[in-house]
Amino acid sequence: MKVHVTDLEGKTKEIEGTIGWTLMEVIRDGGVAIKAECGGACACATCHVYVSDEWMEQTGERTEEEEDMIDLALDVQDGSRLACQIELTEALDGLKVSLARDAVL
């Protein structure tokens, strides 16, 4: 499966994803610099991404725990999600996200 990640400079990188992994793990292991300070424990907002509009429904709703962490993020938008809270499935093949500035190293 493929995931498309756009950095703050507008450069998009296509990353090979693994079903069952979180988006944060795929971004990190795919060579895109992402802070992800808590390692995926939903205890910070340093894997904040913006999900492209056409992928919002497929990625699902934020949990209450994720909402609490998103409240701490910078520049929150409708498509704001924590990459550690999106588990990759076949339905997310081709997913497009952009890194938020609080996720960039």
PDB file of N, CA and C in Angstrom:
ATOM      1  N   MET A   1       0.828  -1.176   0.000  1.00  0.00           N
ATOM      2  CA  MET A   1       0.000   0.000   0.000  1.00  0.00           C
ATOM      3  C   MET A   1       0.871   1.237   0.000  1.00  0.00           C
ATOM      4  N   LYS A   2       0.337   2.335  -0.484  1.00  0.00           N
ATOM      5  CA  LYS A   2       1.097   3.584  -0.588  1.00  0.00           C
ATOM      6  C   LYS A   2       0.463   4.672   0.270  1.00  0.00           C
ATOM      7  N   VAL A   3       1.334   5.514   0.846  1.00  0.00           N
ATOM      8  CA  VAL A   3       0.923   6.693   1.596  1.00  0.00           C
ATOM      9  C   VAL A   3       1.701   7.868   1.026  1.00  0.00           C
ATOM     10  N   HIS A   4       1.040   9.002   0.844  1.00  0.00           N
ATOM     11  CA  HIS A   4       1.673  10.196   0.290  1.00  0.00           C
ATOM     12  C   HIS A   4       1.752  11.256   1.395  1.00  0.00           C
ATOM     13  N   VAL A   5       2.984  11.663   1.724  1.00  0.00           N
ATOM     14  CA  VAL A   5       3.218  12.609   2.811  1.00  0.00           C
ATOM     15  C   VAL A   5       3.874  13.865   2.255  1.00  0.00           C
ATOM     16  N   THR A   6       3.245  15.017   2.526  1.00  0.00           N
ATOM     17  CA  THR A   6       3.770  16.294   2.068  1.00  0.00           C
ATOM     18  C   THR A   6       4.392  17.030   3.242  1.00  0.00           C
ATOM     19  N   ASP A   7       5.627  17.516   3.051  1.00  0.00           N
ATOM     20  CA  ASP A   7       6.310  18.234   4.125  1.00  0.00           C
ATOM     21  C   ASP A   7       5.972  19.721   4.079  1.00  0.00           C
ATOM     22  N   LEU A   8       6.575  20.500   4.968  1.00  0.00           N
ATOM     23  CA  LEU A   8       6.268  21.923   5.056  1.00  0.00           C
ATOM     24  C   LEU A   8       6.710  22.714   3.827  1.00  0.00           C
ATOM     25  N   GLU A   9       7.650  22.170   3.070  1.00  0.00           N
ATOM     26  CA  GLU A   9       8.117  22.835   1.856  1.00  0.00           C
ATOM     27  C   GLU A   9       7.261  22.480   0.636  1.00  0.00           C
ATOM     28  N   GLY A  10       6.253  21.647   0.839  1.00  0.00           N
ATOM     29  CA  GLY A  10       5.380  21.253  -0.257  1.00  0.00           C
ATOM     30  C   GLY A  10       5.859  20.069  -1.058  1.00  0.00           C
ATOM     31  N   LYS A  11       6.917  19.404  -0.594  1.00  0.00           N
ATOM     32  CA  LYS A  11       7.436  18.230  -1.292  1.00  0.00           C
ATOM     33  C   LYS A  11       6.683  16.996  -0.800  1.00  0.00           C
ATOM     34  N   THR A  12       6.211  16.194  -1.750  1.00  0.00           N
ATOM     35  CA  THR A  12       5.467  14.990  -1.408  1.00  0.00           C
ATOM     36  C   THR A  12       6.337  13.765  -1.637  1.00  0.00           C
ATOM     37  N   LYS A  13       6.309  12.874  -0.650  1.00  0.00           N
ATOM     38  CA  LYS A  13       7.057  11.624  -0.745  1.00  0.00           C
ATOM     39  C   LYS A  13       6.063  10.472  -0.673  1.00  0.00           C
ATOM     40  N   GLU A  14       6.196   9.546  -1.601  1.00  0.00           N
ATOM     41  CA  GLU A  14       5.373   8.340  -1.578  1.00  0.00           C
ATOM     42  C   GLU A  14       6.095   7.298  -0.734  1.00  0.00           C
ATOM     43  N   ILE A  15       5.403   6.787   0.265  1.00  0.00           N
ATOM     44  CA  ILE A  15       5.995   5.825   1.198  1.00  0.00           C
ATOM     45  C   ILE A  15       5.232   4.510   1.099  1.00  0.00           C
ATOM     46  N   GLU A  16       5.961   3.424   1.169  1.00  0.00           N
ATOM     47  CA  GLU A  16       5.338   2.099   1.222  1.00  0.00           C
ATOM     48  C   GLU A  16       4.811   1.889   2.636  1.00  0.00           C
ATOM     49  N   GLY A  17       3.523   1.619   2.751  1.00  0.00           N
ATOM     50  CA  GLY A  17       2.908   1.404   4.058  1.00  0.00           C
ATOM     51  C   GLY A  17       2.720  -0.065   4.350  1.00  0.00           C
ATOM     52  N   THR A  18       2.545  -0.364   5.619  1.00  0.00           N
ATOM     53  CA  THR A  18       2.310  -1.733   6.061  1.00  0.00           C
ATOM     54  C   THR A  18       0.970  -1.784   6.780  1.00  0.00           C
ATOM     55  N   ILE A  19       0.081  -2.619   6.299  1.00  0.00           N
ATOM     56  CA  ILE A  19      -1.232  -2.758   6.920  1.00  0.00           C
ATOM     57  C   ILE A  19      -1.048  -3.210   8.364  1.00  0.00           C
ATOM     58  N   GLY A  20      -1.782  -2.549   9.269  1.00  0.00           N
ATOM     59  CA  GLY A  20      -1.688  -2.862  10.694  1.00  0.00           C
ATOM     60  C   GLY A  20      -0.762  -1.928  11.450  1.00  0.00           C
ATOM     61  N   TRP A  21       0.126  -1.227  10.738  1.00  0.00           N
ATOM     62  CA  TRP A  21       0.994  -0.234  11.371  1.00  0.00           C
ATOM     63  C   TRP A  21       0.231   1.066  11.495  1.00  0.00           C
ATOM     64  N   THR A  22       0.702   1.933  12.376  1.00  0.00           N
ATOM     65  CA  THR A  22       0.110   3.262  12.438  1.00  0.00           C
ATOM     66  C   THR A  22       0.759   4.142  11.378  1.00  0.00           C
ATOM     67  N   LEU A  23       0.046   5.177  11.005  1.00  0.00           N
ATOM     68  CA  LEU A  23       0.586   6.139  10.044  1.00  0.00           C
ATOM     69  C   LEU A  23       1.883   6.747  10.555  1.00  0.00           C
ATOM     70  N   MET A  24       1.965   7.027  11.842  1.00  0.00           N
ATOM     71  CA  MET A  24       3.188   7.590  12.430  1.00  0.00           C
ATOM     72  C   MET A  24       4.381   6.659  12.212  1.00  0.00           C
ATOM     73  N   GLU A  25       4.193   5.360  12.436  1.00  0.00           N
ATOM     74  CA  GLU A  25       5.279   4.400  12.239  1.00  0.00           C
ATOM     75  C   GLU A  25       5.729   4.364  10.782  1.00  0.00           C
ATOM     76  N   VAL A  26       4.775   4.401   9.872  1.00  0.00           N
ATOM     77  CA  VAL A  26       5.085   4.346   8.444  1.00  0.00           C
ATOM     78  C   VAL A  26       5.833   5.606   8.008  1.00  0.00           C
ATOM     79  N   ILE A  27       5.385   6.775   8.494  1.00  0.00           N
ATOM     80  CA  ILE A  27       6.072   8.026   8.150  1.00  0.00           C
ATOM     81  C   ILE A  27       7.501   7.993   8.689  1.00  0.00           C
ATOM     82  N   ARG A  28       7.654   7.653   9.954  1.00  0.00           N
ATOM     83  CA  ARG A  28       8.976   7.618  10.588  1.00  0.00           C
ATOM     84  C   ARG A  28       9.903   6.632   9.886  1.00  0.00           C
ATOM     85  N   ASP A  29       9.424   5.419   9.651  1.00  0.00           N
ATOM     86  CA  ASP A  29      10.267   4.393   9.046  1.00  0.00           C
ATOM     87  C   ASP A  29      10.432   4.589   7.537  1.00  0.00           C
ATOM     88  N   GLY A  30       9.600   5.462   6.961  1.00  0.00           N
ATOM     89  CA  GLY A  30       9.692   5.743   5.524  1.00  0.00           C
ATOM     90  C   GLY A  30      10.671   6.850   5.192  1.00  0.00           C
ATOM     91  N   GLY A  31      11.364   7.362   6.205  1.00  0.00           N
ATOM     92  CA  GLY A  31      12.406   8.348   5.957  1.00  0.00           C
ATOM     93  C   GLY A  31      11.955   9.793   5.972  1.00  0.00           C
ATOM     94  N   VAL A  32      10.748  10.053   6.444  1.00  0.00           N
ATOM     95  CA  VAL A  32      10.274  11.430   6.573  1.00  0.00           C
ATOM     96  C   VAL A  32      10.479  11.841   8.032  1.00  0.00           C
ATOM     97  N   ALA A  33      11.148  12.969   8.237  1.00  0.00           N
ATOM     98  CA  ALA A  33      11.431  13.424   9.602  1.00  0.00           C
ATOM     99  C   ALA A  33      10.135  13.849  10.286  1.00  0.00           C
ATOM    100  N   ILE A  34       9.809  13.175  11.377  1.00  0.00           N
ATOM    101  CA  ILE A  34       8.636  13.487  12.178  1.00  0.00           C
ATOM    102  C   ILE A  34       9.041  13.347  13.643  1.00  0.00           C
ATOM    103  N   LYS A  35       8.614  14.291  14.472  1.00  0.00           N
ATOM    104  CA  LYS A  35       9.014  14.263  15.884  1.00  0.00           C
ATOM    105  C   LYS A  35       8.534  12.998  16.582  1.00  0.00           C
ATOM    106  N   ALA A  36       7.228  12.814  16.664  1.00  0.00           N
ATOM    107  CA  ALA A  36       6.645  11.624  17.297  1.00  0.00           C
ATOM    108  C   ALA A  36       7.305  11.327  18.642  1.00  0.00           C
ATOM    109  N   GLU A  37       7.367  12.338  19.502  1.00  0.00           N
ATOM    110  CA  GLU A  37       8.125  12.245  20.754  1.00  0.00           C
ATOM    111  C   GLU A  37       7.640  11.168  21.717  1.00  0.00           C
ATOM    112  N   CYS A  38       6.348  10.894  21.756  1.00  0.00           N
ATOM    113  CA  CYS A  38       5.857   9.900  22.723  1.00  0.00           C
ATOM    114  C   CYS A  38       5.872   8.488  22.150  1.00  0.00           C
ATOM    115  N   GLY A  39       6.265   8.353  20.900  1.00  0.00           N
ATOM    116  CA  GLY A  39       6.384   7.033  20.301  1.00  0.00           C
ATOM    117  C   GLY A  39       5.067   6.362  19.959  1.00  0.00           C
ATOM    118  N   GLY A  40       3.998   7.122  19.936  1.00  0.00           N
ATOM    119  CA  GLY A  40       2.712   6.548  19.545  1.00  0.00           C
ATOM    120  C   GLY A  40       1.758   6.289  20.679  1.00  0.00           C
ATOM    121  N   ALA A  41       2.022   6.859  21.839  1.00  0.00           N
ATOM    122  CA  ALA A  41       1.186   6.621  23.023  1.00  0.00           C
ATOM    123  C   ALA A  41       0.022   7.613  23.154  1.00  0.00           C
ATOM    124  N   CYS A  42      -0.173   8.473  22.174  1.00  0.00           N
ATOM    125  CA  CYS A  42      -1.217   9.510  22.206  1.00  0.00           C
ATOM    126  C   CYS A  42      -1.059  10.386  23.448  1.00  0.00           C
ATOM    127  N   ALA A  43       0.202  10.722  23.742  1.00  0.00           N
ATOM    128  CA  ALA A  43       0.509  11.531  24.922  1.00  0.00           C
ATOM    129  C   ALA A  43       1.116  12.881  24.546  1.00  0.00           C
ATOM    130  N   CYS A  44       1.100  13.222  23.263  1.00  0.00           N
ATOM    131  CA  CYS A  44       1.600  14.516  22.809  1.00  0.00           C
ATOM    132  C   CYS A  44       0.931  14.809  21.471  1.00  0.00           C
ATOM    133  N   ALA A  45       1.327  15.865  20.812  1.00  0.00           N
ATOM    134  CA  ALA A  45       0.762  16.183  19.492  1.00  0.00           C
ATOM    135  C   ALA A  45       1.866  16.338  18.455  1.00  0.00           C
ATOM    136  N   THR A  46       2.995  15.660  18.676  1.00  0.00           N
ATOM    137  CA  THR A  46       4.146  15.847  17.794  1.00  0.00           C
ATOM    138  C   THR A  46       4.145  14.918  16.579  1.00  0.00           C
ATOM    139  N   CYS A  47       3.017  14.272  16.315  1.00  0.00           N
ATOM    140  CA  CYS A  47       2.839  13.535  15.059  1.00  0.00           C
ATOM    141  C   CYS A  47       1.597  14.077  14.347  1.00  0.00           C
ATOM    142  N   HIS A  48       1.301  15.350  14.606  1.00  0.00           N
ATOM    143  CA  HIS A  48       0.137  16.037  14.050  1.00  0.00           C
ATOM    144  C   HIS A  48       0.254  16.123  12.530  1.00  0.00           C
ATOM    145  N   VAL A  49      -0.770  15.640  11.850  1.00  0.00           N
ATOM    146  CA  VAL A  49      -0.837  15.725  10.398  1.00  0.00           C
ATOM    147  C   VAL A  49      -2.198  16.274   9.990  1.00  0.00           C
ATOM    148  N   TYR A  50      -2.275  16.719   8.745  1.00  0.00           N
ATOM    149  CA  TYR A  50      -3.534  17.138   8.150  1.00  0.00           C
ATOM    150  C   TYR A  50      -3.921  16.096   7.110  1.00  0.00           C
ATOM    151  N   VAL A  51      -5.039  15.457   7.321  1.00  0.00           N
ATOM    152  CA  VAL A  51      -5.544  14.471   6.368  1.00  0.00           C
ATOM    153  C   VAL A  51      -6.243  15.218   5.243  1.00  0.00           C
ATOM    154  N   SER A  52      -5.932  14.874   3.998  1.00  0.00           N
ATOM    155  CA  SER A  52      -6.585  15.492   2.849  1.00  0.00           C
ATOM    156  C   SER A  52      -8.088  15.252   2.917  1.00  0.00           C
ATOM    157  N   ASP A  53      -8.833  16.254   2.460  1.00  0.00           N
ATOM    158  CA  ASP A  53     -10.292  16.207   2.550  1.00  0.00           C
ATOM    159  C   ASP A  53     -10.894  14.903   2.038  1.00  0.00           C
ATOM    160  N   GLU A  54     -10.383  14.407   0.918  1.00  0.00           N
ATOM    161  CA  GLU A  54     -10.969  13.207   0.322  1.00  0.00           C
ATOM    162  C   GLU A  54     -10.720  11.935   1.137  1.00  0.00           C
ATOM    163  N   TRP A  55      -9.872  12.018   2.151  1.00  0.00           N
ATOM    164  CA  TRP A  55      -9.556  10.858   2.989  1.00  0.00           C
ATOM    165  C   TRP A  55     -10.128  10.955   4.401  1.00  0.00           C
ATOM    166  N   MET A  56     -10.812  12.032   4.696  1.00  0.00           N
ATOM    167  CA  MET A  56     -11.322  12.247   6.058  1.00  0.00           C
ATOM    168  C   MET A  56     -12.237  11.112   6.515  1.00  0.00           C
ATOM    169  N   GLU A  57     -13.180  10.729   5.698  1.00  0.00           N
ATOM    170  CA  GLU A  57     -14.144   9.696   6.101  1.00  0.00           C
ATOM    171  C   GLU A  57     -13.458   8.350   6.352  1.00  0.00           C
ATOM    172  N   GLN A  58     -12.506   7.995   5.490  1.00  0.00           N
ATOM    173  CA  GLN A  58     -11.836   6.698   5.611  1.00  0.00           C
ATOM    174  C   GLN A  58     -10.965   6.591   6.863  1.00  0.00           C
ATOM    175  N   THR A  59     -10.435   7.722   7.344  1.00  0.00           N
ATOM    176  CA  THR A  59      -9.563   7.657   8.523  1.00  0.00           C
ATOM    177  C   THR A  59     -10.357   7.622   9.819  1.00  0.00           C
ATOM    178  N   GLY A  60     -11.636   7.879   9.762  1.00  0.00           N
ATOM    179  CA  GLY A  60     -12.477   7.764  10.946  1.00  0.00           C
ATOM    180  C   GLY A  60     -12.477   9.010  11.815  1.00  0.00           C
ATOM    181  N   GLU A  61     -13.203   8.916  12.903  1.00  0.00           N
ATOM    182  CA  GLU A  61     -13.346  10.014  13.851  1.00  0.00           C
ATOM    183  C   GLU A  61     -12.215   9.994  14.875  1.00  0.00           C
ATOM    184  N   ARG A  62     -11.894  11.157  15.406  1.00  0.00           N
ATOM    185  CA  ARG A  62     -10.936  11.235  16.510  1.00  0.00           C
ATOM    186  C   ARG A  62     -11.574  10.651  17.770  1.00  0.00           C
ATOM    187  N   THR A  63     -10.776   9.962  18.560  1.00  0.00           N
ATOM    188  CA  THR A  63     -11.247   9.500  19.858  1.00  0.00           C
ATOM    189  C   THR A  63     -11.201  10.678  20.829  1.00  0.00           C
ATOM    190  N   GLU A  64     -11.807  10.524  21.974  1.00  0.00           N
ATOM    191  CA  GLU A  64     -11.768  11.583  22.988  1.00  0.00           C
ATOM    192  C   GLU A  64     -10.331  11.857  23.428  1.00  0.00           C
ATOM    193  N   GLU A  65      -9.549  10.801  23.569  1.00  0.00           N
ATOM    194  CA  GLU A  65      -8.140  10.940  23.949  1.00  0.00           C
ATOM    195  C   GLU A  65      -7.361  11.730  22.889  1.00  0.00           C
ATOM    196  N   GLU A  66      -7.613  11.417  21.627  1.00  0.00           N
ATOM    197  CA  GLU A  66      -6.946  12.141  20.540  1.00  0.00           C
ATOM    198  C   GLU A  66      -7.390  13.598  20.522  1.00  0.00           C
ATOM    199  N   GLU A  67      -8.678  13.859  20.737  1.00  0.00           N
ATOM    200  CA  GLU A  67      -9.192  15.234  20.800  1.00  0.00           C
ATOM    201  C   GLU A  67      -8.449  16.043  21.863  1.00  0.00           C
ATOM    202  N   ASP A  68      -8.224  15.428  23.036  1.00  0.00           N
ATOM    203  CA  ASP A  68      -7.515  16.117  24.117  1.00  0.00           C
ATOM    204  C   ASP A  68      -6.108  16.523  23.687  1.00  0.00           C
ATOM    205  N   MET A  69      -5.421  15.664  22.962  1.00  0.00           N
ATOM    206  CA  MET A  69      -4.065  15.972  22.500  1.00  0.00           C
ATOM    207  C   MET A  69      -4.078  16.972  21.349  1.00  0.00           C
ATOM    208  N   ILE A  70      -5.043  16.859  20.443  1.00  0.00           N
ATOM    209  CA  ILE A  70      -5.159  17.812  19.332  1.00  0.00           C
ATOM    210  C   ILE A  70      -5.372  19.223  19.872  1.00  0.00           C
ATOM    211  N   ASP A  71      -6.059  19.334  20.999  1.00  0.00           N
ATOM    212  CA  ASP A  71      -6.273  20.655  21.615  1.00  0.00           C
ATOM    213  C   ASP A  71      -4.955  21.341  21.963  1.00  0.00           C
ATOM    214  N   LEU A  72      -3.883  20.567  22.105  1.00  0.00           N
ATOM    215  CA  LEU A  72      -2.562  21.110  22.437  1.00  0.00           C
ATOM    216  C   LEU A  72      -1.735  21.438  21.193  1.00  0.00           C
ATOM    217  N   ALA A  73      -2.230  21.052  20.038  1.00  0.00           N
ATOM    218  CA  ALA A  73      -1.482  21.223  18.794  1.00  0.00           C
ATOM    219  C   ALA A  73      -1.583  22.655  18.276  1.00  0.00           C
ATOM    220  N   LEU A  74      -0.659  22.990  17.372  1.00  0.00           N
ATOM    221  CA  LEU A  74      -0.654  24.290  16.701  1.00  0.00           C
ATOM    222  C   LEU A  74      -1.459  24.192  15.407  1.00  0.00           C
ATOM    223  N   ASP A  75      -2.101  25.288  15.024  1.00  0.00           N
ATOM    224  CA  ASP A  75      -2.792  25.378  13.732  1.00  0.00           C
ATOM    225  C   ASP A  75      -3.746  24.210  13.463  1.00  0.00           C
ATOM    226  N   VAL A  76      -4.606  23.929  14.414  1.00  0.00           N
ATOM    227  CA  VAL A  76      -5.569  22.838  14.264  1.00  0.00           C
ATOM    228  C   VAL A  76      -6.570  23.179  13.159  1.00  0.00           C
ATOM    229  N   GLN A  77      -6.833  22.194  12.319  1.00  0.00           N
ATOM    230  CA  GLN A  77      -7.790  22.331  11.216  1.00  0.00           C
ATOM    231  C   GLN A  77      -8.772  21.163  11.270  1.00  0.00           C
ATOM    232  N   ASP A  78      -9.785  21.203  10.419  1.00  0.00           N
ATOM    233  CA  ASP A  78     -10.764  20.112  10.388  1.00  0.00           C
ATOM    234  C   ASP A  78     -10.090  18.759  10.146  1.00  0.00           C
ATOM    235  N   GLY A  79      -9.070  18.741   9.308  1.00  0.00           N
ATOM    236  CA  GLY A  79      -8.384  17.493   8.967  1.00  0.00           C
ATOM    237  C   GLY A  79      -7.261  17.116   9.912  1.00  0.00           C
ATOM    238  N   SER A  80      -7.132  17.813  11.034  1.00  0.00           N
ATOM    239  CA  SER A  80      -6.053  17.513  11.984  1.00  0.00           C
ATOM    240  C   SER A  80      -6.264  16.157  12.635  1.00  0.00           C
ATOM    241  N   ARG A  81      -5.212  15.352  12.599  1.00  0.00           N
ATOM    242  CA  ARG A  81      -5.214  14.042  13.258  1.00  0.00           C
ATOM    243  C   ARG A  81      -3.830  13.794  13.820  1.00  0.00           C
ATOM    244  N   LEU A  82      -3.748  12.886  14.750  1.00  0.00           N
ATOM    245  CA  LEU A  82      -2.462  12.399  15.223  1.00  0.00           C
ATOM    246  C   LEU A  82      -2.156  11.144  14.422  1.00  0.00           C
ATOM    247  N   ALA A  83      -1.004  11.136  13.783  1.00  0.00           N
ATOM    248  CA  ALA A  83      -0.648  10.007  12.915  1.00  0.00           C
ATOM    249  C   ALA A  83      -0.559   8.696  13.690  1.00  0.00           C
ATOM    250  N   CYS A  84      -0.279   8.775  14.980  1.00  0.00           N
ATOM    251  CA  CYS A  84      -0.190   7.554  15.789  1.00  0.00           C
ATOM    252  C   CYS A  84      -1.558   6.925  16.032  1.00  0.00           C
ATOM    253  N   GLN A  85      -2.619   7.640  15.714  1.00  0.00           N
ATOM    254  CA  GLN A  85      -3.968   7.137  15.964  1.00  0.00           C
ATOM    255  C   GLN A  85      -4.679   6.660  14.697  1.00  0.00           C
ATOM    256  N   ILE A  86      -3.969   6.654  13.587  1.00  0.00           N
ATOM    257  CA  ILE A  86      -4.534   6.156  12.337  1.00  0.00           C
ATOM    258  C   ILE A  86      -3.852   4.839  11.995  1.00  0.00           C
ATOM    259  N   GLU A  87      -4.602   3.754  12.116  1.00  0.00           N
ATOM    260  CA  GLU A  87      -4.061   2.445  11.764  1.00  0.00           C
ATOM    261  C   GLU A  87      -4.320   2.186  10.292  1.00  0.00           C
ATOM    262  N   LEU A  88      -3.281   1.778   9.579  1.00  0.00           N
ATOM    263  CA  LEU A  88      -3.402   1.570   8.147  1.00  0.00           C
ATOM    264  C   LEU A  88      -4.152   0.284   7.825  1.00  0.00           C
ATOM    265  N   THR A  89      -5.085   0.419   6.904  1.00  0.00           N
ATOM    266  CA  THR A  89      -5.865  -0.697   6.388  1.00  0.00           C
ATOM    267  C   THR A  89      -5.817  -0.627   4.863  1.00  0.00           C
ATOM    268  N   GLU A  90      -6.314  -1.658   4.208  1.00  0.00           N
ATOM    269  CA  GLU A  90      -6.357  -1.650   2.748  1.00  0.00           C
ATOM    270  C   GLU A  90      -7.155  -0.465   2.223  1.00  0.00           C
ATOM    271  N   ALA A  91      -8.168  -0.044   2.981  1.00  0.00           N
ATOM    272  CA  ALA A  91      -9.016   1.076   2.567  1.00  0.00           C
ATOM    273  C   ALA A  91      -8.251   2.401   2.523  1.00  0.00           C
ATOM    274  N   LEU A  92      -7.083   2.457   3.154  1.00  0.00           N
ATOM    275  CA  LEU A  92      -6.296   3.690   3.186  1.00  0.00           C
ATOM    276  C   LEU A  92      -5.159   3.705   2.160  1.00  0.00           C
ATOM    277  N   ASP A  93      -5.165   2.748   1.233  1.00  0.00           N
ATOM    278  CA  ASP A  93      -4.157   2.731   0.184  1.00  0.00           C
ATOM    279  C   ASP A  93      -4.286   3.997  -0.652  1.00  0.00           C
ATOM    280  N   GLY A  94      -3.207   4.790  -0.717  1.00  0.00           N
ATOM    281  CA  GLY A  94      -3.205   6.055  -1.431  1.00  0.00           C
ATOM    282  C   GLY A  94      -3.447   7.258  -0.533  1.00  0.00           C
ATOM    283  N   LEU A  95      -3.568   7.029   0.773  1.00  0.00           N
ATOM    284  CA  LEU A  95      -3.823   8.097   1.745  1.00  0.00           C
ATOM    285  C   LEU A  95      -2.879   9.276   1.528  1.00  0.00           C
ATOM    286  N   LYS A  96      -3.436  10.490   1.620  1.00  0.00           N
ATOM    287  CA  LYS A  96      -2.641  11.707   1.464  1.00  0.00           C
ATOM    288  C   LYS A  96      -2.746  12.541   2.732  1.00  0.00           C
ATOM    289  N   VAL A  97      -1.584  12.864   3.299  1.00  0.00           N
ATOM    290  CA  VAL A  97      -1.516  13.719   4.483  1.00  0.00           C
ATOM    291  C   VAL A  97      -0.397  14.734   4.311  1.00  0.00           C
ATOM    292  N   SER A  98      -0.495  15.806   5.089  1.00  0.00           N
ATOM    293  CA  SER A  98       0.568  16.812   5.150  1.00  0.00           C
ATOM    294  C   SER A  98       1.007  16.936   6.592  1.00  0.00           C
ATOM    295  N   LEU A  99       2.315  17.109   6.801  1.00  0.00           N
ATOM    296  CA  LEU A  99       2.825  17.291   8.147  1.00  0.00           C
ATOM    297  C   LEU A  99       2.430  18.679   8.658  1.00  0.00           C
ATOM    298  N   ALA A 100       2.041  18.758   9.903  1.00  0.00           N
ATOM    299  CA  ALA A 100       1.805  20.032  10.562  1.00  0.00           C
ATOM    300  C   ALA A 100       3.144  20.523  11.111  1.00  0.00           C
ATOM    301  N   ARG A 101       3.269  21.820  11.326  1.00  0.00           N
ATOM    302  CA  ARG A 101       4.569  22.351  11.736  1.00  0.00           C
ATOM    303  C   ARG A 101       5.025  21.859  13.108  1.00  0.00           C
ATOM    304  N   ASP A 102       4.097  21.444  13.976  1.00  0.00           N
ATOM    305  CA  ASP A 102       4.510  20.935  15.291  1.00  0.00           C
ATOM    306  C   ASP A 102       4.991  19.493  15.236  1.00  0.00           C
ATOM    307  N   ALA A 103       4.925  18.865  14.066  1.00  0.00           N
ATOM    308  CA  ALA A 103       5.407  17.500  13.898  1.00  0.00           C
ATOM    309  C   ALA A 103       6.792  17.442  13.261  1.00  0.00           C
ATOM    310  N   VAL A 104       7.262  18.579  12.781  1.00  0.00           N
ATOM    311  CA  VAL A 104       8.513  18.612  12.017  1.00  0.00           C
ATOM    312  C   VAL A 104       9.704  18.795  12.943  1.00  0.00           C
ATOM    313  N   LEU A 105      10.723  17.990  12.709  1.00  0.00           N
ATOM    314  CA  LEU A 105      11.958  18.086  13.491  1.00  0.00           C
ATOM    315  C   LEU A 105      12.685  19.373  13.200  1.00  0.00           C
TER     316      LEU A 105
END
